[in-house]
Amino acid sequence: MSGLVLAVVFAGTASAQERSPAQRQTLLSLAFVLGQSHALRQACEGDSDQLWRSWMSRLLETEAPDDGLERRIRDSFNTGYYAAQARFPACDDAARTEARSAAARGRGLARQLGGG
């Protein structure tokens, strides 16, 4: 998933206030994918792994959204997390496949936000 890490870093080329409504929706979708990725990584690496939560925090710092949008972004992350956690409570081939799929979705979303 290292490609998703780079995509998330480069997604933050503009602050949330400068983004169009469509780009704000893309931020919400990216947060959902980060939440999914966090749950899937924890299933495979253990509950102490905080990689994707850390990247979510970095995204929020970079975007600096207003309070309302920040709450929606956090809610989207949590929704993605709980959805993946419920579907993939343990690490298996299906969870690893879903993690790769989530990474691909995340890279695409980040590109839409200007990540290349």
PDB file of N, CA and C in Angstrom:
ATOM      1  N   MET A   1       0.799  -1.197   0.000  1.00  0.00           N
ATOM      2  CA  MET A   1       0.000   0.000   0.000  1.00  0.00           C
ATOM      3  C   MET A   1       0.840   1.258   0.000  1.00  0.00           C
ATOM      4  N   SER A   2       2.141   1.136  -0.187  1.00  0.00           N
ATOM      5  CA  SER A   2       2.977   2.330  -0.138  1.00  0.00           C
ATOM      6  C   SER A   2       2.565   3.365  -1.182  1.00  0.00           C
ATOM      7  N   GLY A   3       2.017   2.934  -2.313  1.00  0.00           N
ATOM      8  CA  GLY A   3       1.536   3.876  -3.309  1.00  0.00           C
ATOM      9  C   GLY A   3       0.420   4.744  -2.776  1.00  0.00           C
ATOM     10  N   LEU A   4      -0.418   4.179  -1.912  1.00  0.00           N
ATOM     11  CA  LEU A   4      -1.492   4.960  -1.305  1.00  0.00           C
ATOM     12  C   LEU A   4      -0.906   6.003  -0.368  1.00  0.00           C
ATOM     13  N   VAL A   5       0.155   5.667   0.348  1.00  0.00           N
ATOM     14  CA  VAL A   5       0.800   6.632   1.233  1.00  0.00           C
ATOM     15  C   VAL A   5       1.232   7.854   0.436  1.00  0.00           C
ATOM     16  N   LEU A   6       1.930   7.637  -0.670  1.00  0.00           N
ATOM     17  CA  LEU A   6       2.375   8.758  -1.496  1.00  0.00           C
ATOM     18  C   LEU A   6       1.195   9.537  -2.045  1.00  0.00           C
ATOM     19  N   ALA A   7       0.156   8.838  -2.445  1.00  0.00           N
ATOM     20  CA  ALA A   7      -1.019   9.512  -2.999  1.00  0.00           C
ATOM     21  C   ALA A   7      -1.673  10.405  -1.954  1.00  0.00           C
ATOM     22  N   VAL A   8      -1.743   9.937  -0.725  1.00  0.00           N
ATOM     23  CA  VAL A   8      -2.358  10.738   0.334  1.00  0.00           C
ATOM     24  C   VAL A   8      -1.524  11.983   0.604  1.00  0.00           C
ATOM     25  N   VAL A   9      -0.208  11.833   0.617  1.00  0.00           N
ATOM     26  CA  VAL A   9       0.660  12.991   0.838  1.00  0.00           C
ATOM     27  C   VAL A   9       0.433  14.036  -0.240  1.00  0.00           C
ATOM     28  N   PHE A  10       0.363  13.598  -1.480  1.00  0.00           N
ATOM     29  CA  PHE A  10       0.227  14.541  -2.578  1.00  0.00           C
ATOM     30  C   PHE A  10      -1.200  15.028  -2.764  1.00  0.00           C
ATOM     31  N   ALA A  11      -2.168  14.384  -2.133  1.00  0.00           N
ATOM     32  CA  ALA A  11      -3.554  14.833  -2.247  1.00  0.00           C
ATOM     33  C   ALA A  11      -3.731  16.197  -1.611  1.00  0.00           C
ATOM     34  N   GLY A  12      -2.893  16.510  -0.653  1.00  0.00           N
ATOM     35  CA  GLY A  12      -3.043  17.748   0.088  1.00  0.00           C
ATOM     36  C   GLY A  12      -2.392  18.943  -0.574  1.00  0.00           C
ATOM     37  N   THR A  13      -2.606  19.143  -1.848  1.00  0.00           N
ATOM     38  CA  THR A  13      -2.000  20.271  -2.537  1.00  0.00           C
ATOM     39  C   THR A  13      -2.793  21.559  -2.370  1.00  0.00           C
ATOM     40  N   ALA A  14      -4.001  21.490  -1.848  1.00  0.00           N
ATOM     41  CA  ALA A  14      -4.818  22.677  -1.616  1.00  0.00           C
ATOM     42  C   ALA A  14      -5.527  22.491  -0.279  1.00  0.00           C
ATOM     43  N   SER A  15      -5.871  23.600   0.349  1.00  0.00           N
ATOM     44  CA  SER A  15      -6.630  23.462   1.588  1.00  0.00           C
ATOM     45  C   SER A  15      -8.081  23.143   1.249  1.00  0.00           C
ATOM     46  N   ALA A  16      -8.755  22.567   2.204  1.00  0.00           N
ATOM     47  CA  ALA A  16     -10.152  22.169   1.989  1.00  0.00           C
ATOM     48  C   ALA A  16     -11.013  23.363   1.601  1.00  0.00           C
ATOM     49  N   GLN A  17     -10.693  24.545   2.126  1.00  0.00           N
ATOM     50  CA  GLN A  17     -11.496  25.718   1.811  1.00  0.00           C
ATOM     51  C   GLN A  17     -11.364  26.123   0.347  1.00  0.00           C
ATOM     52  N   GLU A  18     -10.256  25.747  -0.299  1.00  0.00           N
ATOM     53  CA  GLU A  18     -10.039  26.092  -1.703  1.00  0.00           C
ATOM     54  C   GLU A  18     -10.631  25.051  -2.648  1.00  0.00           C
ATOM     55  N   ARG A  19     -11.114  23.971  -2.116  1.00  0.00           N
ATOM     56  CA  ARG A  19     -11.589  22.869  -2.947  1.00  0.00           C
ATOM     57  C   ARG A  19     -13.041  23.077  -3.367  1.00  0.00           C
ATOM     58  N   SER A  20     -13.360  22.578  -4.545  1.00  0.00           N
ATOM     59  CA  SER A  20     -14.737  22.625  -5.050  1.00  0.00           C
ATOM     60  C   SER A  20     -15.592  21.627  -4.271  1.00  0.00           C
ATOM     61  N   PRO A  21     -16.916  21.740  -4.376  1.00  0.00           N
ATOM     62  CA  PRO A  21     -17.781  20.749  -3.723  1.00  0.00           C
ATOM     63  C   PRO A  21     -17.465  19.316  -4.167  1.00  0.00           C
ATOM     64  N   ALA A  22     -17.155  19.122  -5.448  1.00  0.00           N
ATOM     65  CA  ALA A  22     -16.820  17.775  -5.929  1.00  0.00           C
ATOM     66  C   ALA A  22     -15.521  17.279  -5.285  1.00  0.00           C
ATOM     67  N   GLN A  23     -14.551  18.155  -5.133  1.00  0.00           N
ATOM     68  CA  GLN A  23     -13.296  17.765  -4.497  1.00  0.00           C
ATOM     69  C   GLN A  23     -13.499  17.478  -3.014  1.00  0.00           C
ATOM     70  N   ARG A  24     -14.384  18.213  -2.382  1.00  0.00           N
ATOM     71  CA  ARG A  24     -14.687  17.930  -0.972  1.00  0.00           C
ATOM     72  C   ARG A  24     -15.325  16.545  -0.835  1.00  0.00           C
ATOM     73  N   GLN A  25     -16.181  16.191  -1.779  1.00  0.00           N
ATOM     74  CA  GLN A  25     -16.770  14.853  -1.764  1.00  0.00           C
ATOM     75  C   GLN A  25     -15.680  13.799  -1.970  1.00  0.00           C
ATOM     76  N   THR A  26     -14.714  14.100  -2.833  1.00  0.00           N
ATOM     77  CA  THR A  26     -13.595  13.178  -3.047  1.00  0.00           C
ATOM     78  C   THR A  26     -12.788  13.023  -1.764  1.00  0.00           C
ATOM     79  N   LEU A  27     -12.608  14.105  -1.008  1.00  0.00           N
ATOM     80  CA  LEU A  27     -11.937  14.006   0.292  1.00  0.00           C
ATOM     81  C   LEU A  27     -12.676  13.050   1.213  1.00  0.00           C
ATOM     82  N   LEU A  28     -14.001  13.135   1.206  1.00  0.00           N
ATOM     83  CA  LEU A  28     -14.798  12.228   2.041  1.00  0.00           C
ATOM     84  C   LEU A  28     -14.610  10.783   1.593  1.00  0.00           C
ATOM     85  N   SER A  29     -14.574  10.566   0.289  1.00  0.00           N
ATOM     86  CA  SER A  29     -14.363   9.212  -0.230  1.00  0.00           C
ATOM     87  C   SER A  29     -12.970   8.702   0.127  1.00  0.00           C
ATOM     88  N   LEU A  30     -11.976   9.581   0.035  1.00  0.00           N
ATOM     89  CA  LEU A  30     -10.619   9.191   0.402  1.00  0.00           C
ATOM     90  C   LEU A  30     -10.544   8.847   1.887  1.00  0.00           C
ATOM     91  N   ALA A  31     -11.214   9.615   2.716  1.00  0.00           N
ATOM     92  CA  ALA A  31     -11.239   9.316   4.152  1.00  0.00           C
ATOM     93  C   ALA A  31     -11.872   7.952   4.409  1.00  0.00           C
ATOM     94  N   PHE A  32     -12.933   7.626   3.687  1.00  0.00           N
ATOM     95  CA  PHE A  32     -13.581   6.321   3.821  1.00  0.00           C
ATOM     96  C   PHE A  32     -12.580   5.213   3.487  1.00  0.00           C
ATOM     97  N   VAL A  33     -11.844   5.372   2.387  1.00  0.00           N
ATOM     98  CA  VAL A  33     -10.856   4.368   1.973  1.00  0.00           C
ATOM     99  C   VAL A  33      -9.733   4.263   3.001  1.00  0.00           C
ATOM    100  N   LEU A  34      -9.311   5.390   3.550  1.00  0.00           N
ATOM    101  CA  LEU A  34      -8.289   5.339   4.598  1.00  0.00           C
ATOM    102  C   LEU A  34      -8.799   4.576   5.817  1.00  0.00           C
ATOM    103  N   GLY A  35     -10.065   4.765   6.156  1.00  0.00           N
ATOM    104  CA  GLY A  35     -10.655   4.015   7.267  1.00  0.00           C
ATOM    105  C   GLY A  35     -10.686   2.523   6.980  1.00  0.00           C
ATOM    106  N   GLN A  36     -11.090   2.170   5.763  1.00  0.00           N
ATOM    107  CA  GLN A  36     -11.069   0.761   5.364  1.00  0.00           C
ATOM    108  C   GLN A  36      -9.653   0.203   5.464  1.00  0.00           C
ATOM    109  N   SER A  37      -8.704   0.946   4.925  1.00  0.00           N
ATOM    110  CA  SER A  37      -7.309   0.500   4.932  1.00  0.00           C
ATOM    111  C   SER A  37      -6.802   0.320   6.359  1.00  0.00           C
ATOM    112  N   HIS A  38      -7.212   1.212   7.247  1.00  0.00           N
ATOM    113  CA  HIS A  38      -6.807   1.111   8.650  1.00  0.00           C
ATOM    114  C   HIS A  38      -7.330  -0.185   9.266  1.00  0.00           C
ATOM    115  N   ALA A  39      -8.591  -0.492   9.053  1.00  0.00           N
ATOM    116  CA  ALA A  39      -9.161  -1.716   9.616  1.00  0.00           C
ATOM    117  C   ALA A  39      -8.490  -2.963   9.034  1.00  0.00           C
ATOM    118  N   LEU A  40      -8.272  -2.947   7.728  1.00  0.00           N
ATOM    119  CA  LEU A  40      -7.656  -4.108   7.078  1.00  0.00           C
ATOM    120  C   LEU A  40      -6.220  -4.297   7.541  1.00  0.00           C
ATOM    121  N   ARG A  41      -5.488  -3.217   7.683  1.00  0.00           N
ATOM    122  CA  ARG A  41      -4.109  -3.322   8.158  1.00  0.00           C
ATOM    123  C   ARG A  41      -4.071  -3.815   9.597  1.00  0.00           C
ATOM    124  N   GLN A  42      -4.982  -3.333  10.425  1.00  0.00           N
ATOM    125  CA  GLN A  42      -5.023  -3.812  11.803  1.00  0.00           C
ATOM    126  C   GLN A  42      -5.371  -5.296  11.861  1.00  0.00           C
ATOM    127  N   ALA A  43      -6.249  -5.741  10.968  1.00  0.00           N
ATOM    128  CA  ALA A  43      -6.596  -7.166  10.944  1.00  0.00           C
ATOM    129  C   ALA A  43      -5.356  -8.007  10.662  1.00  0.00           C
ATOM    130  N   CYS A  44      -4.484  -7.496   9.811  1.00  0.00           N
ATOM    131  CA  CYS A  44      -3.293  -8.265   9.411  1.00  0.00           C
ATOM    132  C   CYS A  44      -2.063  -7.968  10.258  1.00  0.00           C
ATOM    133  N   GLU A  45      -1.942  -6.769  10.765  1.00  0.00           N
ATOM    134  CA  GLU A  45      -0.730  -6.369  11.491  1.00  0.00           C
ATOM    135  C   GLU A  45      -0.934  -6.213  12.995  1.00  0.00           C
ATOM    136  N   GLY A  46      -2.184  -6.208  13.436  1.00  0.00           N
ATOM    137  CA  GLY A  46      -2.465  -6.070  14.867  1.00  0.00           C
ATOM    138  C   GLY A  46      -3.079  -4.725  15.200  1.00  0.00           C
ATOM    139  N   ASP A  47      -3.788  -4.708  16.305  1.00  0.00           N
ATOM    140  CA  ASP A  47      -4.510  -3.508  16.727  1.00  0.00           C
ATOM    141  C   ASP A  47      -3.611  -2.311  17.016  1.00  0.00           C
ATOM    142  N   SER A  48      -2.357  -2.566  17.336  1.00  0.00           N
ATOM    143  CA  SER A  48      -1.472  -1.447  17.663  1.00  0.00           C
ATOM    144  C   SER A  48      -0.996  -0.695  16.422  1.00  0.00           C
ATOM    145  N   ASP A  49      -1.210  -1.265  15.235  1.00  0.00           N
ATOM    146  CA  ASP A  49      -0.770  -0.587  14.011  1.00  0.00           C
ATOM    147  C   ASP A  49      -1.656   0.633  13.761  1.00  0.00           C
ATOM    148  N   GLN A  50      -1.035   1.797  13.659  1.00  0.00           N
ATOM    149  CA  GLN A  50      -1.766   3.057  13.492  1.00  0.00           C
ATOM    150  C   GLN A  50      -1.372   3.801  12.216  1.00  0.00           C
ATOM    151  N   LEU A  51      -0.789   3.082  11.253  1.00  0.00           N
ATOM    152  CA  LEU A  51      -0.298   3.726  10.038  1.00  0.00           C
ATOM    153  C   LEU A  51      -1.361   4.589   9.367  1.00  0.00           C
ATOM    154  N   TRP A  52      -2.514   4.004   9.056  1.00  0.00           N
ATOM    155  CA  TRP A  52      -3.520   4.745   8.296  1.00  0.00           C
ATOM    156  C   TRP A  52      -4.224   5.800   9.130  1.00  0.00           C
ATOM    157  N   ARG A  53      -4.334   5.589  10.424  1.00  0.00           N
ATOM    158  CA  ARG A  53      -4.884   6.641  11.289  1.00  0.00           C
ATOM    159  C   ARG A  53      -3.928   7.845  11.288  1.00  0.00           C
ATOM    160  N   SER A  54      -2.631   7.567  11.312  1.00  0.00           N
ATOM    161  CA  SER A  54      -1.634   8.644  11.259  1.00  0.00           C
ATOM    162  C   SER A  54      -1.728   9.419   9.950  1.00  0.00           C
ATOM    163  N   TRP A  55      -1.917   8.696   8.842  1.00  0.00           N
ATOM    164  CA  TRP A  55      -2.042   9.370   7.552  1.00  0.00           C
ATOM    165  C   TRP A  55      -3.331  10.177   7.479  1.00  0.00           C
ATOM    166  N   MET A  56      -4.365   9.696   8.132  1.00  0.00           N
ATOM    167  CA  MET A  56      -5.615  10.451   8.179  1.00  0.00           C
ATOM    168  C   MET A  56      -5.382  11.763   8.943  1.00  0.00           C
ATOM    169  N   SER A  57      -4.667  11.682  10.036  1.00  0.00           N
ATOM    170  CA  SER A  57      -4.354  12.897  10.805  1.00  0.00           C
ATOM    171  C   SER A  57      -3.540  13.868   9.962  1.00  0.00           C
ATOM    172  N   ARG A  58      -2.596  13.336   9.223  1.00  0.00           N
ATOM    173  CA  ARG A  58      -1.780  14.199   8.355  1.00  0.00           C
ATOM    174  C   ARG A  58      -2.633  14.867   7.273  1.00  0.00           C
ATOM    175  N   LEU A  59      -3.564  14.103   6.707  1.00  0.00           N
ATOM    176  CA  LEU A  59      -4.462  14.669   5.696  1.00  0.00           C
ATOM    177  C   LEU A  59      -5.267  15.824   6.291  1.00  0.00           C
ATOM    178  N   LEU A  60      -5.786  15.640   7.505  1.00  0.00           N
ATOM    179  CA  LEU A  60      -6.557  16.704   8.153  1.00  0.00           C
ATOM    180  C   LEU A  60      -5.680  17.931   8.431  1.00  0.00           C
ATOM    181  N   GLU A  61      -4.458  17.695   8.862  1.00  0.00           N
ATOM    182  CA  GLU A  61      -3.546  18.818   9.110  1.00  0.00           C
ATOM    183  C   GLU A  61      -3.269  19.582   7.822  1.00  0.00           C
ATOM    184  N   THR A  62      -3.053  18.866   6.745  1.00  0.00           N
ATOM    185  CA  THR A  62      -2.717  19.483   5.466  1.00  0.00           C
ATOM    186  C   THR A  62      -3.903  20.236   4.885  1.00  0.00           C
ATOM    187  N   GLU A  63      -5.069  19.617   4.939  1.00  0.00           N
ATOM    188  CA  GLU A  63      -6.271  20.213   4.352  1.00  0.00           C
ATOM    189  C   GLU A  63      -6.832  21.348   5.196  1.00  0.00           C
ATOM    190  N   ALA A  64      -6.657  21.279   6.506  1.00  0.00           N
ATOM    191  CA  ALA A  64      -7.172  22.287   7.434  1.00  0.00           C
ATOM    192  C   ALA A  64      -8.645  22.620   7.155  1.00  0.00           C
ATOM    193  N   PRO A  65      -9.524  21.606   7.164  1.00  0.00           N
ATOM    194  CA  PRO A  65     -10.936  21.877   6.876  1.00  0.00           C
ATOM    195  C   PRO A  65     -11.607  22.640   8.008  1.00  0.00           C
ATOM    196  N   ASP A  66     -12.712  23.310   7.671  1.00  0.00           N
ATOM    197  CA  ASP A  66     -13.503  23.949   8.713  1.00  0.00           C
ATOM    198  C   ASP A  66     -14.098  22.848   9.597  1.00  0.00           C
ATOM    199  N   ASP A  67     -14.638  23.236  10.734  1.00  0.00           N
ATOM    200  CA  ASP A  67     -15.114  22.247  11.711  1.00  0.00           C
ATOM    201  C   ASP A  67     -16.146  21.289  11.133  1.00  0.00           C
ATOM    202  N   GLY A  68     -17.084  21.799  10.358  1.00  0.00           N
ATOM    203  CA  GLY A  68     -18.127  20.952   9.788  1.00  0.00           C
ATOM    204  C   GLY A  68     -17.575  19.916   8.829  1.00  0.00           C
ATOM    205  N   LEU A  69     -16.683  20.338   7.950  1.00  0.00           N
ATOM    206  CA  LEU A  69     -16.091  19.398   6.999  1.00  0.00           C
ATOM    207  C   LEU A  69     -15.168  18.424   7.721  1.00  0.00           C
ATOM    208  N   GLU A  70     -14.434  18.899   8.704  1.00  0.00           N
ATOM    209  CA  GLU A  70     -13.562  17.988   9.456  1.00  0.00           C
ATOM    210  C   GLU A  70     -14.386  16.878  10.109  1.00  0.00           C
ATOM    211  N   ARG A  71     -15.508  17.233  10.679  1.00  0.00           N
ATOM    212  CA  ARG A  71     -16.383  16.231  11.313  1.00  0.00           C
ATOM    213  C   ARG A  71     -16.871  15.224  10.280  1.00  0.00           C
ATOM    214  N   ARG A  72     -17.242  15.702   9.093  1.00  0.00           N
ATOM    215  CA  ARG A  72     -17.704  14.795   8.031  1.00  0.00           C
ATOM    216  C   ARG A  72     -16.570  13.890   7.544  1.00  0.00           C
ATOM    217  N   ILE A  73     -15.357  14.427   7.452  1.00  0.00           N
ATOM    218  CA  ILE A  73     -14.202  13.621   7.035  1.00  0.00           C
ATOM    219  C   ILE A  73     -13.929  12.542   8.081  1.00  0.00           C
ATOM    220  N   ARG A  74     -13.929  12.919   9.350  1.00  0.00           N
ATOM    221  CA  ARG A  74     -13.698  11.935  10.416  1.00  0.00           C
ATOM    222  C   ARG A  74     -14.796  10.874  10.428  1.00  0.00           C
ATOM    223  N   ASP A  75     -16.031  11.290  10.243  1.00  0.00           N
ATOM    224  CA  ASP A  75     -17.143  10.327  10.195  1.00  0.00           C
ATOM    225  C   ASP A  75     -16.975   9.357   9.034  1.00  0.00           C
ATOM    226  N   SER A  76     -16.516   9.853   7.899  1.00  0.00           N
ATOM    227  CA  SER A  76     -16.304   9.002   6.740  1.00  0.00           C
ATOM    228  C   SER A  76     -15.190   7.988   7.012  1.00  0.00           C
ATOM    229  N   PHE A  77     -14.108   8.434   7.627  1.00  0.00           N
ATOM    230  CA  PHE A  77     -13.025   7.521   8.014  1.00  0.00           C
ATOM    231  C   PHE A  77     -13.569   6.416   8.925  1.00  0.00           C
ATOM    232  N   ASN A  78     -14.314   6.826   9.952  1.00  0.00           N
ATOM    233  CA  ASN A  78     -14.848   5.846  10.911  1.00  0.00           C
ATOM    234  C   ASN A  78     -15.831   4.884  10.259  1.00  0.00           C
ATOM    235  N   THR A  79     -16.654   5.379   9.347  1.00  0.00           N
ATOM    236  CA  THR A  79     -17.596   4.509   8.638  1.00  0.00           C
ATOM    237  C   THR A  79     -16.836   3.471   7.816  1.00  0.00           C
ATOM    238  N   GLY A  80     -15.802   3.908   7.107  1.00  0.00           N
ATOM    239  CA  GLY A  80     -14.981   2.968   6.340  1.00  0.00           C
ATOM    240  C   GLY A  80     -14.305   1.951   7.236  1.00  0.00           C
ATOM    241  N   TYR A  81     -13.812   2.418   8.371  1.00  0.00           N
ATOM    242  CA  TYR A  81     -13.154   1.530   9.325  1.00  0.00           C
ATOM    243  C   TYR A  81     -14.110   0.436   9.809  1.00  0.00           C
ATOM    244  N   TYR A  82     -15.270   0.858  10.300  1.00  0.00           N
ATOM    245  CA  TYR A  82     -16.206  -0.128  10.865  1.00  0.00           C
ATOM    246  C   TYR A  82     -16.779  -1.062   9.806  1.00  0.00           C
ATOM    247  N   ALA A  83     -16.960  -0.561   8.601  1.00  0.00           N
ATOM    248  CA  ALA A  83     -17.454  -1.416   7.516  1.00  0.00           C
ATOM    249  C   ALA A  83     -16.438  -2.517   7.199  1.00  0.00           C
ATOM    250  N   ALA A  84     -15.176  -2.143   7.072  1.00  0.00           N
ATOM    251  CA  ALA A  84     -14.144  -3.140   6.758  1.00  0.00           C
ATOM    252  C   ALA A  84     -13.905  -4.069   7.931  1.00  0.00           C
ATOM    253  N   GLN A  85     -13.943  -3.532   9.129  1.00  0.00           N
ATOM    254  CA  GLN A  85     -13.741  -4.356  10.318  1.00  0.00           C
ATOM    255  C   GLN A  85     -14.834  -5.424  10.426  1.00  0.00           C
ATOM    256  N   ALA A  86     -16.062  -5.059  10.113  1.00  0.00           N
ATOM    257  CA  ALA A  86     -17.164  -6.018  10.180  1.00  0.00           C
ATOM    258  C   ALA A  86     -17.040  -7.080   9.094  1.00  0.00           C
ATOM    259  N   ARG A  87     -16.612  -6.669   7.911  1.00  0.00           N
ATOM    260  CA  ARG A  87     -16.486  -7.596   6.787  1.00  0.00           C
ATOM    261  C   ARG A  87     -15.262  -8.486   6.866  1.00  0.00           C
ATOM    262  N   PHE A  88     -14.184  -7.960   7.436  1.00  0.00           N
ATOM    263  CA  PHE A  88     -12.906  -8.675   7.488  1.00  0.00           C
ATOM    264  C   PHE A  88     -12.344  -8.635   8.911  1.00  0.00           C
ATOM    265  N   PRO A  89     -12.930  -9.412   9.831  1.00  0.00           N
ATOM    266  CA  PRO A  89     -12.462  -9.367  11.218  1.00  0.00           C
ATOM    267  C   PRO A  89     -11.089 -10.016  11.417  1.00  0.00           C
ATOM    268  N   ALA A  90     -10.650 -10.805  10.441  1.00  0.00           N
ATOM    269  CA  ALA A  90      -9.356 -11.466  10.537  1.00  0.00           C
ATOM    270  C   ALA A  90      -8.619 -11.329   9.215  1.00  0.00           C
ATOM    271  N   CYS A  91      -7.312 -11.472   9.286  1.00  0.00           N
ATOM    272  CA  CYS A  91      -6.489 -11.376   8.086  1.00  0.00           C
ATOM    273  C   CYS A  91      -6.520 -12.702   7.339  1.00  0.00           C
ATOM    274  N   ASP A  92      -6.956 -12.645   6.109  1.00  0.00           N
ATOM    275  CA  ASP A  92      -6.954 -13.811   5.238  1.00  0.00           C
ATOM    276  C   ASP A  92      -6.747 -13.316   3.812  1.00  0.00           C
ATOM    277  N   ASP A  93      -6.815 -14.228   2.858  1.00  0.00           N
ATOM    278  CA  ASP A  93      -6.596 -13.820   1.465  1.00  0.00           C
ATOM    279  C   ASP A  93      -7.604 -12.766   1.020  1.00  0.00           C
ATOM    280  N   ALA A  94      -8.844 -12.900   1.456  1.00  0.00           N
ATOM    281  CA  ALA A  94      -9.871 -11.923   1.072  1.00  0.00           C
ATOM    282  C   ALA A  94      -9.548 -10.540   1.631  1.00  0.00           C
ATOM    283  N   ALA A  95      -9.071 -10.478   2.871  1.00  0.00           N
ATOM    284  CA  ALA A  95      -8.705  -9.190   3.473  1.00  0.00           C
ATOM    285  C   ALA A  95      -7.522  -8.571   2.738  1.00  0.00           C
ATOM    286  N   ARG A  96      -6.537  -9.377   2.390  1.00  0.00           N
ATOM    287  CA  ARG A  96      -5.375  -8.861   1.661  1.00  0.00           C
ATOM    288  C   ARG A  96      -5.786  -8.367   0.269  1.00  0.00           C
ATOM    289  N   THR A  97      -6.685  -9.094  -0.381  1.00  0.00           N
ATOM    290  CA  THR A  97      -7.184  -8.668  -1.693  1.00  0.00           C
ATOM    291  C   THR A  97      -7.934  -7.345  -1.565  1.00  0.00           C
ATOM    292  N   GLU A  98      -8.762  -7.234  -0.547  1.00  0.00           N
ATOM    293  CA  GLU A  98      -9.508  -5.989  -0.325  1.00  0.00           C
ATOM    294  C   GLU A  98      -8.560  -4.839   0.001  1.00  0.00           C
ATOM    295  N   ALA A  99      -7.491  -5.106   0.733  1.00  0.00           N
ATOM    296  CA  ALA A  99      -6.518  -4.064   1.050  1.00  0.00           C
ATOM    297  C   ALA A  99      -5.873  -3.536  -0.232  1.00  0.00           C
ATOM    298  N   ARG A 100      -5.532  -4.422  -1.152  1.00  0.00           N
ATOM    299  CA  ARG A 100      -4.959  -3.977  -2.431  1.00  0.00           C
ATOM    300  C   ARG A 100      -5.983  -3.168  -3.227  1.00  0.00           C
ATOM    301  N   SER A 101      -7.228  -3.594  -3.200  1.00  0.00           N
ATOM    302  CA  SER A 101      -8.283  -2.878  -3.905  1.00  0.00           C
ATOM    303  C   SER A 101      -8.497  -1.489  -3.301  1.00  0.00           C
ATOM    304  N   ALA A 102      -8.492  -1.411  -1.979  1.00  0.00           N
ATOM    305  CA  ALA A 102      -8.648  -0.115  -1.306  1.00  0.00           C
ATOM    306  C   ALA A 102      -7.485   0.805  -1.657  1.00  0.00           C
ATOM    307  N   ALA A 103      -6.282   0.259  -1.721  1.00  0.00           N
ATOM    308  CA  ALA A 103      -5.112   1.073  -2.085  1.00  0.00           C
ATOM    309  C   ALA A 103      -5.278   1.647  -3.492  1.00  0.00           C
ATOM    310  N   ALA A 104      -5.758   0.826  -4.410  1.00  0.00           N
ATOM    311  CA  ALA A 104      -5.971   1.302  -5.783  1.00  0.00           C
ATOM    312  C   ALA A 104      -7.035   2.400  -5.816  1.00  0.00           C
ATOM    313  N   ARG A 105      -8.120   2.215  -5.059  1.00  0.00           N
ATOM    314  CA  ARG A 105      -9.160   3.253  -5.002  1.00  0.00           C
ATOM    315  C   ARG A 105      -8.599   4.536  -4.408  1.00  0.00           C
ATOM    316  N   GLY A 106      -7.811   4.408  -3.358  1.00  0.00           N
ATOM    317  CA  GLY A 106      -7.214   5.568  -2.716  1.00  0.00           C
ATOM    318  C   GLY A 106      -6.290   6.330  -3.642  1.00  0.00           C
ATOM    319  N   ARG A 107      -5.481   5.598  -4.405  1.00  0.00           N
ATOM    320  CA  ARG A 107      -4.587   6.273  -5.371  1.00  0.00           C
ATOM    321  C   ARG A 107      -5.413   7.040  -6.407  1.00  0.00           C
ATOM    322  N   GLY A 108      -6.485   6.430  -6.893  1.00  0.00           N
ATOM    323  CA  GLY A 108      -7.335   7.108  -7.871  1.00  0.00           C
ATOM    324  C   GLY A 108      -7.978   8.358  -7.299  1.00  0.00           C
ATOM    325  N   LEU A 109      -8.461   8.281  -6.077  1.00  0.00           N
ATOM    326  CA  LEU A 109      -9.078   9.436  -5.429  1.00  0.00           C
ATOM    327  C   LEU A 109      -8.056  10.547  -5.215  1.00  0.00           C
ATOM    328  N   ALA A 110      -6.875  10.181  -4.786  1.00  0.00           N
ATOM    329  CA  ALA A 110      -5.830  11.174  -4.574  1.00  0.00           C
ATOM    330  C   ALA A 110      -5.453  11.865  -5.884  1.00  0.00           C
ATOM    331  N   ARG A 111      -5.417  11.089  -6.965  1.00  0.00           N
ATOM    332  CA  ARG A 111      -5.139  11.689  -8.282  1.00  0.00           C
ATOM    333  C   ARG A 111      -6.227  12.710  -8.627  1.00  0.00           C
ATOM    334  N   GLN A 112      -7.473  12.398  -8.312  1.00  0.00           N
ATOM    335  CA  GLN A 112      -8.557  13.339  -8.584  1.00  0.00           C
ATOM    336  C   GLN A 112      -8.374  14.642  -7.813  1.00  0.00           C
ATOM    337  N   LEU A 113      -7.722  14.559  -6.668  1.00  0.00           N
ATOM    338  CA  LEU A 113      -7.487  15.742  -5.844  1.00  0.00           C
ATOM    339  C   LEU A 113      -6.240  16.508  -6.265  1.00  0.00           C
ATOM    340  N   GLY A 114      -5.581  16.012  -7.300  1.00  0.00           N
ATOM    341  CA  GLY A 114      -4.414  16.721  -7.793  1.00  0.00           C
ATOM    342  C   GLY A 114      -3.106  16.052  -7.467  1.00  0.00           C
ATOM    343  N   GLY A 115      -3.179  14.796  -7.070  1.00  0.00           N
ATOM    344  CA  GLY A 115      -1.960  14.077  -6.699  1.00  0.00           C
ATOM    345  C   GLY A 115      -1.218  13.471  -7.864  1.00  0.00           C
ATOM    346  N   GLY A 116      -1.570  13.767  -9.098  1.00  0.00           N
ATOM    347  CA  GLY A 116      -0.803  13.273 -10.233  1.00  0.00           C
ATOM    348  C   GLY A 116      -1.377  12.103 -10.913  1.00  0.00           C
TER     349      GLY A 116
END
